[in-house]
Protein backbone atom coordinates (compact mmCIF):
# COMPACT_ATOMS: atom_id res chain seq x y z
CA MET A 1 54.60 264.15 2.43
CA THR A 2 53.98 262.07 5.54
CA SER A 3 55.14 258.64 4.46
CA SER A 4 58.05 257.34 6.50
CA ASP A 5 59.89 256.30 3.36
CA THR A 6 59.61 259.66 1.56
CA THR A 7 63.00 260.76 0.24
CA LEU A 8 63.79 264.12 -1.34
CA HIS A 9 66.75 264.61 -3.65
CA PRO A 10 67.42 268.37 -3.83
CA TYR A 11 70.68 269.90 -4.90
CA LEU A 12 70.85 272.00 -1.71
CA CYS A 13 69.60 271.31 1.82
CA ILE A 14 69.81 274.10 4.39
CA ILE A 15 69.39 273.39 8.09
CA GLY A 16 68.29 276.49 9.97
CA ALA A 17 66.03 279.36 8.90
CA GLY A 18 67.81 282.21 10.64
CA SER A 19 69.47 285.09 8.85
CA GLY A 20 72.25 283.01 7.28
CA GLY A 21 70.12 280.07 6.20
CA LEU A 22 67.38 282.29 4.80
CA SER A 23 69.89 284.29 2.76
CA VAL A 24 71.27 281.13 1.14
CA ALA A 25 67.77 279.74 0.58
CA ALA A 26 66.48 282.95 -1.02
CA ALA A 27 69.41 283.14 -3.42
CA ALA A 28 69.28 279.45 -4.34
CA ALA A 29 65.53 279.32 -4.86
CA GLN A 30 65.49 282.45 -7.01
CA LEU A 31 68.29 280.97 -9.11
CA GLY A 32 66.11 277.94 -9.78
CA VAL A 33 68.11 275.55 -7.60
CA ASP A 34 66.13 272.68 -6.05
CA THR A 35 66.29 273.68 -2.37
CA VAL A 36 65.07 272.21 0.90
CA LEU A 37 65.01 274.44 3.99
CA ILE A 38 64.58 272.83 7.42
CA GLU A 39 63.66 274.74 10.58
CA ARG A 40 62.60 273.21 13.90
CA GLY A 41 61.69 276.47 15.61
CA ARG A 42 60.45 279.86 14.48
CA MET A 43 61.21 281.14 11.00
CA GLY A 44 63.64 284.04 11.17
CA GLY A 45 65.70 282.46 13.91
CA ASP A 46 67.29 284.33 16.79
CA CYS A 47 67.63 287.70 15.05
CA LEU A 48 63.95 288.18 14.30
CA ASN A 49 62.45 286.52 17.35
CA TYR A 50 64.90 286.85 20.24
CA GLY A 51 67.80 289.07 19.19
CA CYS A 52 68.34 292.09 16.99
CA VAL A 53 64.74 292.98 16.20
CA PRO A 54 63.12 292.73 19.65
CA SER A 55 66.13 294.19 21.47
CA LYS A 56 66.29 297.26 19.25
CA SER A 57 62.52 297.66 19.54
CA LEU A 58 62.82 297.59 23.33
CA ILE A 59 65.73 300.03 23.18
CA ALA A 60 63.59 302.38 21.05
CA ALA A 61 60.89 302.38 23.74
CA ALA A 62 63.52 303.01 26.41
CA HIS A 63 64.99 305.87 24.38
CA ALA A 64 61.56 307.50 24.18
CA ALA A 65 61.24 307.32 27.97
CA HIS A 66 64.74 308.72 28.44
CA ALA A 67 64.08 311.58 26.01
CA ALA A 68 60.91 312.54 27.88
CA ARG A 69 62.71 312.38 31.21
CA HIS A 70 65.43 314.77 29.98
CA ALA A 71 63.41 317.07 27.72
CA ASP A 72 63.87 319.95 30.16
CA ARG A 73 67.42 320.48 28.89
CA PHE A 74 65.78 321.85 25.73
CA GLY A 75 63.29 323.97 27.67
CA ILE A 76 60.47 321.44 27.37
CA ALA A 77 58.63 320.26 30.49
CA ALA A 78 57.60 316.67 29.75
CA GLY A 79 57.55 315.17 33.24
CA ALA A 80 58.54 311.72 34.40
CA PRO A 81 57.42 308.96 32.00
CA ASN A 82 55.38 305.98 33.13
CA ALA A 83 56.29 302.83 31.22
CA ASP A 84 53.42 300.38 30.68
CA PHE A 85 55.31 297.12 30.24
CA ALA A 86 52.35 295.36 28.65
CA ARG A 87 52.19 298.02 25.92
CA VAL A 88 55.96 298.00 25.56
CA ARG A 89 55.78 294.23 25.04
CA ASP A 90 53.03 294.75 22.45
CA HIS A 91 55.23 297.28 20.64
CA VAL A 92 58.13 294.81 20.55
CA GLN A 93 55.96 291.95 19.34
CA GLY A 94 54.33 294.24 16.79
CA VAL A 95 57.67 295.05 15.19
CA ILE A 96 58.47 291.33 15.01
CA ALA A 97 55.10 290.72 13.36
CA ASP A 98 55.76 293.48 10.82
CA ILE A 99 59.03 291.86 9.72
CA ALA A 100 57.96 288.21 10.01
CA PRO A 101 56.38 287.90 6.53
CA HIS A 102 59.78 288.52 4.95
CA ASP A 103 61.14 285.46 6.77
CA SER A 104 58.00 283.34 6.57
CA GLN A 105 57.48 279.81 5.33
CA GLU A 106 54.94 281.13 2.83
CA ARG A 107 57.45 283.53 1.27
CA PHE A 108 60.11 280.88 0.82
CA GLU A 109 57.68 278.36 -0.56
CA GLY A 110 56.58 281.09 -2.95
CA LEU A 111 60.20 281.46 -4.06
CA GLY A 112 60.27 277.75 -4.86
CA ALA A 113 61.94 276.21 -1.80
CA THR A 114 60.57 273.20 0.07
CA VAL A 115 60.23 274.15 3.74
CA LEU A 116 60.15 271.46 6.43
CA ARG A 117 59.31 272.39 10.04
CA GLU A 118 61.21 269.56 11.68
CA THR A 119 64.34 268.76 13.67
CA ALA A 120 67.13 267.67 11.34
CA ALA A 121 69.81 265.08 12.06
CA PHE A 122 72.46 263.61 9.79
CA THR A 123 72.16 259.89 9.12
CA GLY A 124 75.13 259.74 6.77
CA ARG A 125 77.61 261.87 4.89
CA ASP A 126 75.05 262.86 2.27
CA GLN A 127 71.69 262.53 3.99
CA VAL A 128 69.58 264.07 6.71
CA GLN A 129 66.43 262.89 8.44
CA ALA A 130 63.81 265.56 9.16
CA GLY A 131 60.82 264.01 10.89
CA PRO A 132 59.36 261.47 8.44
CA ILE A 133 61.34 262.87 5.50
CA ARG A 134 64.78 261.78 4.35
CA ILE A 135 66.81 264.29 2.34
CA ARG A 136 69.71 263.22 0.15
CA ALA A 137 71.37 266.33 -1.24
CA LYS A 138 74.43 267.27 -3.24
CA ARG A 139 75.28 270.09 -0.84
CA PHE A 140 74.27 270.96 2.72
CA VAL A 141 74.48 274.21 4.67
CA ILE A 142 74.32 274.13 8.47
CA ALA A 143 73.00 277.45 9.78
CA THR A 144 71.53 276.47 13.13
CA GLY A 145 72.82 279.47 15.06
CA SER A 146 73.50 279.62 18.79
CA SER A 147 71.65 279.65 22.10
CA PRO A 148 72.21 281.35 25.46
CA ILE A 149 74.14 279.38 28.04
CA ALA A 150 73.74 279.35 31.79
CA PRO A 151 77.03 279.52 33.70
CA PRO A 152 77.74 276.75 36.22
CA VAL A 153 76.52 278.66 39.26
CA PRO A 154 75.27 276.47 42.12
CA GLY A 155 71.54 276.99 42.59
CA LEU A 156 70.98 278.80 39.30
CA ASP A 157 68.90 275.94 37.96
CA GLN A 158 66.61 276.29 40.98
CA VAL A 159 65.60 279.91 40.38
CA PRO A 160 63.58 281.48 37.56
CA TYR A 161 65.54 283.65 35.17
CA PHE A 162 65.21 285.37 31.83
CA THR A 163 67.44 284.92 28.80
CA ASN A 164 67.24 286.84 25.55
CA GLU A 165 64.82 284.11 24.39
CA THR A 166 62.26 284.87 27.10
CA ILE A 167 62.65 288.45 28.31
CA PHE A 168 60.84 290.02 25.36
CA ASP A 169 57.64 288.22 26.36
CA ASN A 170 57.66 289.89 29.76
CA ASP A 171 54.76 292.30 30.32
CA VAL A 172 55.36 293.22 33.98
CA ARG A 173 57.94 295.77 35.11
CA PRO A 174 60.74 294.13 37.11
CA GLU A 175 61.23 296.13 40.29
CA HIS A 176 64.94 295.25 40.45
CA LEU A 177 66.56 293.39 37.55
CA LEU A 178 69.82 291.57 38.20
CA VAL A 179 71.86 291.07 35.04
CA LEU A 180 74.44 288.30 35.04
CA GLY A 181 76.88 289.29 32.30
CA GLY A 182 78.27 292.64 31.19
CA GLY A 183 78.72 292.00 27.48
CA PRO A 184 76.68 293.59 24.68
CA ILE A 185 73.41 291.76 25.39
CA GLY A 186 73.60 292.32 29.13
CA CYS A 187 74.50 296.00 28.80
CA GLU A 188 71.88 296.80 26.17
CA LEU A 189 69.07 295.20 28.15
CA ALA A 190 70.30 296.59 31.46
CA GLN A 191 70.17 300.17 30.21
CA ALA A 192 66.83 299.66 28.46
CA HIS A 193 65.22 298.36 31.65
CA ARG A 194 66.73 301.12 33.75
CA ARG A 195 65.27 303.74 31.42
CA LEU A 196 61.90 302.00 31.62
CA GLY A 197 61.85 302.47 35.38
CA CYS A 198 63.58 299.41 36.84
CA GLU A 199 66.38 299.26 39.36
CA VAL A 200 69.24 297.41 37.66
CA THR A 201 72.42 295.73 38.89
CA VAL A 202 74.95 294.24 36.46
CA VAL A 203 77.42 291.59 37.65
CA GLN A 204 80.36 291.00 35.30
CA ARG A 205 83.25 288.58 35.75
CA GLY A 206 85.76 290.92 34.08
CA ARG A 207 85.56 294.45 32.72
CA LEU A 208 82.30 295.81 31.38
CA LEU A 209 82.23 295.36 27.57
CA HIS A 210 85.60 293.66 27.78
CA ARG A 211 86.14 293.07 24.07
CA ASP A 212 85.85 296.77 23.22
CA ASP A 213 88.55 299.43 23.43
CA PRO A 214 88.78 300.31 27.15
CA ASP A 215 88.66 304.04 26.38
CA LEU A 216 85.32 303.59 24.65
CA ALA A 217 83.86 301.15 27.16
CA GLN A 218 84.68 303.59 29.94
CA VAL A 219 82.39 306.19 28.37
CA VAL A 220 79.48 303.74 28.54
CA ALA A 221 80.43 302.78 32.11
CA ARG A 222 80.27 306.45 33.13
CA ARG A 223 76.85 306.79 31.52
CA PHE A 224 75.63 303.73 33.41
CA GLN A 225 76.78 305.33 36.64
CA GLU A 226 75.02 308.59 35.77
CA GLU A 227 71.79 306.75 35.02
CA GLY A 228 71.90 304.81 38.28
CA ILE A 229 72.84 301.36 36.98
CA ALA A 230 74.88 299.51 39.60
CA VAL A 231 77.83 297.65 38.05
CA ILE A 232 79.95 295.09 39.89
CA GLU A 233 83.05 294.29 37.82
CA GLY A 234 85.66 291.61 38.38
CA ALA A 235 83.11 289.53 40.22
CA ALA A 236 82.24 285.84 40.34
CA VAL A 237 78.76 284.64 41.24
CA THR A 238 79.28 281.74 43.64
CA SER A 239 75.64 280.79 44.20
CA ALA A 240 72.05 281.71 43.42
CA ALA A 241 68.97 281.21 45.56
CA GLY A 242 65.35 282.22 45.73
CA THR A 243 64.07 284.63 48.38
CA ASP A 244 60.61 285.72 49.45
CA GLY A 245 60.91 288.76 47.24
CA GLY A 246 62.88 287.32 44.34
CA ILE A 247 66.47 286.21 43.85
CA ARG A 248 69.73 286.42 45.78
CA LEU A 249 73.17 286.11 44.18
CA ALA A 250 76.30 285.53 46.26
CA VAL A 251 78.96 287.68 44.60
CA GLN A 252 82.70 287.50 45.25
CA ASP A 253 85.04 290.27 44.13
CA ALA A 254 88.12 292.11 45.39
CA GLU A 255 86.11 293.47 48.31
CA GLY A 256 85.03 290.01 49.48
CA THR A 257 81.77 288.09 49.29
CA ARG A 258 78.37 289.73 49.60
CA ASP A 259 74.77 289.11 48.65
CA VAL A 260 73.07 291.01 45.85
CA THR A 261 69.29 290.76 45.77
CA GLY A 262 66.70 291.58 43.15
CA THR A 263 63.21 290.65 42.03
CA HIS A 264 64.19 289.26 38.61
CA LEU A 265 67.29 287.84 36.95
CA LEU A 266 68.54 288.05 33.37
CA VAL A 267 71.31 285.64 32.40
CA ALA A 268 73.41 287.05 29.55
CA ALA A 269 76.67 285.21 30.12
CA GLY A 270 77.50 283.88 26.67
CA ARG A 271 76.23 281.63 23.90
CA ARG A 272 76.97 278.21 22.46
CA ALA A 273 76.64 276.76 18.97
CA ASN A 274 73.49 274.75 18.27
CA VAL A 275 75.01 271.40 17.29
CA GLU A 276 73.70 268.98 19.90
CA ASP A 277 70.87 267.39 17.85
CA LEU A 278 72.56 267.31 14.43
CA ASN A 279 74.34 263.95 14.85
CA LEU A 280 77.41 265.41 13.17
CA ASP A 281 79.51 262.30 13.74
CA ALA A 282 77.32 260.41 11.28
CA ALA A 283 78.33 262.91 8.60
CA GLY A 284 82.01 263.05 9.56
CA ILE A 285 81.79 266.69 10.61
CA ARG A 286 84.30 267.87 13.21
CA CYS A 287 83.58 270.33 16.00
CA ASN A 288 85.69 272.17 18.54
CA ARG A 289 84.65 273.79 21.80
CA LYS A 290 83.36 276.86 19.95
CA GLY A 291 81.39 275.17 17.19
CA ILE A 292 81.73 273.46 13.82
CA GLU A 293 85.20 273.58 12.29
CA VAL A 294 85.37 275.11 8.81
CA ASP A 295 88.07 276.15 6.36
CA ASP A 296 88.39 279.61 4.86
CA GLY A 297 85.69 278.70 2.36
CA LEU A 298 83.29 277.71 5.18
CA ARG A 299 83.47 274.04 4.22
CA THR A 300 83.43 271.48 7.02
CA SER A 301 85.47 268.28 7.26
CA ASN A 302 82.73 266.77 5.07
CA ARG A 303 83.26 268.43 1.70
CA ARG A 304 79.56 268.29 0.88
CA VAL A 305 78.68 270.37 3.92
CA TYR A 306 79.14 274.07 4.67
CA ALA A 307 78.53 275.77 8.01
CA ILE A 308 77.82 279.48 8.48
CA GLY A 309 76.97 282.05 11.12
CA ASP A 310 76.91 281.52 14.87
CA VAL A 311 77.23 277.74 14.63
CA ILE A 312 80.92 278.01 13.72
CA GLY A 313 81.58 280.03 16.89
CA ARG A 314 83.38 283.02 15.42
CA LEU A 315 81.82 286.48 15.24
CA GLN A 316 78.20 285.89 16.23
CA PHE A 317 76.33 288.65 14.43
CA THR A 318 73.47 288.66 11.94
CA HIS A 319 75.48 290.60 9.38
CA ILE A 320 78.33 288.09 9.61
CA ALA A 321 75.89 285.24 8.95
CA GLY A 322 74.67 287.15 5.91
CA TYR A 323 78.24 287.65 4.74
CA HIS A 324 78.92 283.93 5.17
CA ALA A 325 75.79 283.19 3.14
CA GLY A 326 77.19 285.16 0.23
CA ILE A 327 80.43 283.19 0.38
CA VAL A 328 78.53 279.88 0.28
CA VAL A 329 76.33 281.00 -2.62
CA ARG A 330 79.39 281.92 -4.65
CA ARG A 331 81.15 278.66 -3.82
CA ALA A 332 78.31 276.11 -3.86
CA LEU A 333 76.24 277.52 -6.71
CA PHE A 334 78.70 279.42 -8.90
CA ARG A 335 81.80 277.33 -8.10
CA LEU A 336 83.82 280.49 -7.46
CA PRO A 337 86.88 280.44 -5.15
CA ALA A 338 85.40 282.76 -2.52
CA ARG A 339 87.20 283.01 0.81
CA VAL A 340 86.19 284.46 4.16
CA ASN A 341 88.00 287.62 5.24
CA GLU A 342 86.70 288.99 8.52
CA ALA A 343 89.59 291.40 9.09
CA ALA A 344 87.25 294.35 8.52
CA ALA A 345 84.15 292.86 10.18
CA PRO A 346 82.17 295.50 12.09
CA TRP A 347 80.06 295.25 15.21
CA VAL A 348 77.95 297.64 17.25
CA THR A 349 76.83 297.58 20.86
CA TYR A 350 73.52 299.43 21.05
CA THR A 351 73.88 301.09 24.41
CA ASP A 352 73.49 304.86 24.63
CA PRO A 353 76.00 306.03 23.64
CA GLU A 354 76.60 303.27 21.11
CA ILE A 355 79.97 301.61 20.62
CA ALA A 356 80.95 300.75 17.05
CA GLN A 357 84.05 298.97 15.83
CA VAL A 358 85.44 297.88 12.46
CA GLY A 359 88.76 296.19 11.79
CA LEU A 360 91.51 296.61 14.37
CA ASN A 361 91.03 298.60 17.54
CA GLU A 362 93.89 300.51 19.14
CA PRO A 363 95.15 297.82 21.57
CA THR A 364 95.14 295.13 18.87
CA ALA A 365 96.75 297.38 16.28
CA ARG A 366 99.56 298.41 18.63
CA GLU A 367 100.18 294.78 19.49
CA ARG A 368 100.41 293.90 15.80
CA PHE A 369 102.18 296.92 14.33
CA GLY A 370 103.91 298.55 17.29
CA ASP A 371 105.16 302.05 16.55
CA ARG A 372 104.29 301.70 12.87
CA VAL A 373 100.64 302.41 13.57
CA ARG A 374 99.11 305.84 14.05
CA VAL A 375 95.93 306.40 15.98
CA VAL A 376 94.08 309.64 15.34
CA GLU A 377 91.25 310.44 17.68
CA MET A 378 88.77 313.20 18.33
CA PRO A 379 86.03 313.83 20.89
CA VAL A 380 82.62 314.12 19.26
CA GLY A 381 81.95 317.23 21.32
CA GLY A 382 83.90 319.26 18.76
CA ASN A 383 81.22 318.59 16.15
CA ASP A 384 78.54 321.27 15.91
CA ARG A 385 75.63 318.88 15.35
CA PHE A 386 76.49 316.88 18.45
CA ARG A 387 76.62 320.19 20.34
CA ALA A 388 73.25 321.32 18.99
CA GLU A 389 71.62 318.12 20.19
CA ARG A 390 73.39 318.16 23.58
CA GLU A 391 75.02 314.80 22.91
CA THR A 392 78.68 315.71 23.30
CA GLU A 393 79.91 312.63 25.15
CA GLY A 394 81.92 310.34 22.91
CA LEU A 395 85.09 309.69 20.98
CA ILE A 396 86.20 308.45 17.58
CA LYS A 397 89.51 306.73 16.82
CA VAL A 398 90.87 305.82 13.40
CA ILE A 399 93.69 303.30 13.12
CA VAL A 400 96.13 303.97 10.27
CA HIS A 401 99.04 301.84 9.04
CA ARG A 402 101.27 303.28 6.33
CA GLY A 403 98.60 305.81 5.43
CA ARG A 404 95.84 303.22 5.02
CA VAL A 405 92.85 302.67 7.28
CA VAL A 406 92.96 299.32 9.10
CA GLY A 407 90.32 300.03 11.72
CA ALA A 408 88.08 302.54 13.44
CA SER A 409 86.35 302.69 16.81
CA MET A 410 83.70 305.07 18.04
CA VAL A 411 81.53 305.70 21.05
CA GLY A 412 78.75 308.23 20.68
CA VAL A 413 75.16 308.76 19.62
CA HIS A 414 74.45 306.82 16.41
CA ALA A 415 77.99 305.43 16.30
CA GLY A 416 76.62 302.41 14.44
CA GLU A 417 75.57 304.67 11.57
CA LEU A 418 78.68 306.83 11.66
CA ILE A 419 81.10 303.88 11.50
CA GLN A 420 79.86 302.80 8.08
CA PRO A 421 82.20 304.90 5.89
CA TRP A 422 85.09 303.40 7.84
CA CYS A 423 83.75 299.91 7.07
CA LEU A 424 84.22 300.67 3.39
CA MET A 425 87.65 302.17 3.92
CA ALA A 426 88.93 299.36 6.15
CA THR A 427 87.56 296.68 3.82
CA HIS A 428 89.45 298.10 0.86
CA ARG A 429 92.45 299.41 2.85
CA MET A 430 91.80 302.87 1.44
CA LYS A 431 94.07 305.81 2.16
CA ILE A 432 92.86 308.09 4.89
CA GLY A 433 93.30 311.07 2.59
CA GLN A 434 90.38 309.82 0.54
CA MET A 435 88.07 310.71 3.41
CA THR A 436 89.39 314.27 3.62
CA SER A 437 88.72 314.87 -0.07
CA ALA A 438 84.96 314.33 0.33
CA ILE A 439 82.57 317.28 0.62
CA LEU A 440 80.18 316.52 3.47
CA PRO A 441 77.04 318.48 4.39
CA TYR A 442 77.03 320.78 7.41
CA PRO A 443 75.91 320.50 10.13
CA THR A 444 75.85 316.72 10.38
CA ARG A 445 77.24 314.21 12.81
CA GLY A 446 78.90 312.51 9.85
CA GLU A 447 81.29 315.44 9.52
CA ILE A 448 83.17 313.99 12.47
CA ASN A 449 84.59 311.40 10.06
CA LYS A 450 86.16 314.05 7.84
CA GLN A 451 87.30 316.04 10.85
CA VAL A 452 89.17 313.14 12.42
CA ALA A 453 90.67 312.17 9.06
CA GLY A 454 91.88 315.73 8.62
CA SER A 455 93.59 315.62 11.99
CA TYR A 456 95.86 312.89 10.63
CA PHE A 457 97.47 315.51 8.39
CA THR A 458 97.44 318.41 10.86
CA PRO A 459 100.97 317.93 12.29
CA ALA A 460 102.56 317.95 8.84
CA LEU A 461 100.23 320.55 7.34
CA PHE A 462 100.92 323.16 10.00
CA GLY A 463 104.46 322.09 10.86
CA PRO A 464 107.67 324.13 10.44
CA ARG A 465 108.47 322.74 6.98
CA THR A 466 105.08 323.66 5.52
CA ARG A 467 105.17 327.07 7.18
CA LYS A 468 108.57 327.71 5.63
CA ILE A 469 107.35 326.70 2.16
CA VAL A 470 104.27 328.93 2.44
CA GLY A 471 106.45 331.79 3.65
CA LEU A 472 108.72 331.47 0.62
CA LEU A 473 105.77 331.33 -1.76
CA THR A 474 104.09 334.39 -0.29
CA ARG A 475 107.31 336.40 -0.67
CA LEU A 476 107.18 335.75 -4.39
CA GLY A 477 104.37 338.25 -4.58
């Protein structure tokens, strides 16, 4: 199909082969729907190539180095690890290669979709041009994701720097990595590089991990300090410049202005929706400063067109894009009245310890419900499995409104795994007592969930009224 006048007439055209677009395409193709999938870059999008997969692979390597460095606490002399960055890079790229076939052009063509490796742009309300091919479809899905942005720092465009799209190709250990941005991406990569033997300095405009519960973020901040990661909070970078040995940032905070120098720079200061090449005006699709505007059914201002995932500028996570894909499949293919509800959307920051959140956190819940909300919390150090593994630093909070779970927050080892029962409970507004009725195996970290749920009932269970009732019953003989 190379003729300039080739026109395809599928039912569904999907722009973007990241996690959201691939999920829609897989469902549609397997349902026998005539589907065109367009991708200008690498199949699998940000998650496979530049995001979740490579970052967690790098974190796994860093965890191995950290475990070796601290094995003596278990009576094992392992010695200081020596990270070979070329082999670490090969490990990261190897994991990507292992997963890539699942997201490949060959797989989706095998499912029955037509895959075009082109840049797509709307030329009308019901048509898209992709290279030499015109596509006129009944329905469109925009799933083009997001890209890292560089803040407007004078001189930044004159110095070399990494983003999440380039750092996983690095095969040389940075002597001193400067990280501009203290959100999830910046913090995860800062800690990973520190554990792999780099000096690391993080510069953050506000508080470290500012969207998370401050009590939980503080635990991670303390760990950073213990591991030797320098963190400058409440700071603005006023300029960037190259030096003989690397990069210099001029940083202004409450203490004044000073220079921070390093050999390498990672910019992790936010992301923007990928809309610039889509020619959305031609299709009558409205955008705001965050991304494409959609209704609660993910439909744009053009009723033929849906938009999902990062490109709409809401919660920018792979699992949210997958959730959006399910909504679109139900609406566009089954004509069901599905609506987005992200009230119980979870997220995890994969530092060590991890921070996990679902639904409302404590500050948001108190703002919404005031004194009508109860927050039950427990340090993870009271759990025997955490003690056995010498990982006692952390905290879990469960947010309860009228006896029902509306949120949970946790910081601790494997918090991303341990939050999952609370995802189910918050999604369905289940009663907290339903957690206490479960029989959980001992000793497991997961017991912390039942333990904290039980603490919700402790004041009433062991209060004066209950003691009086039990006293009366025992006197009956």
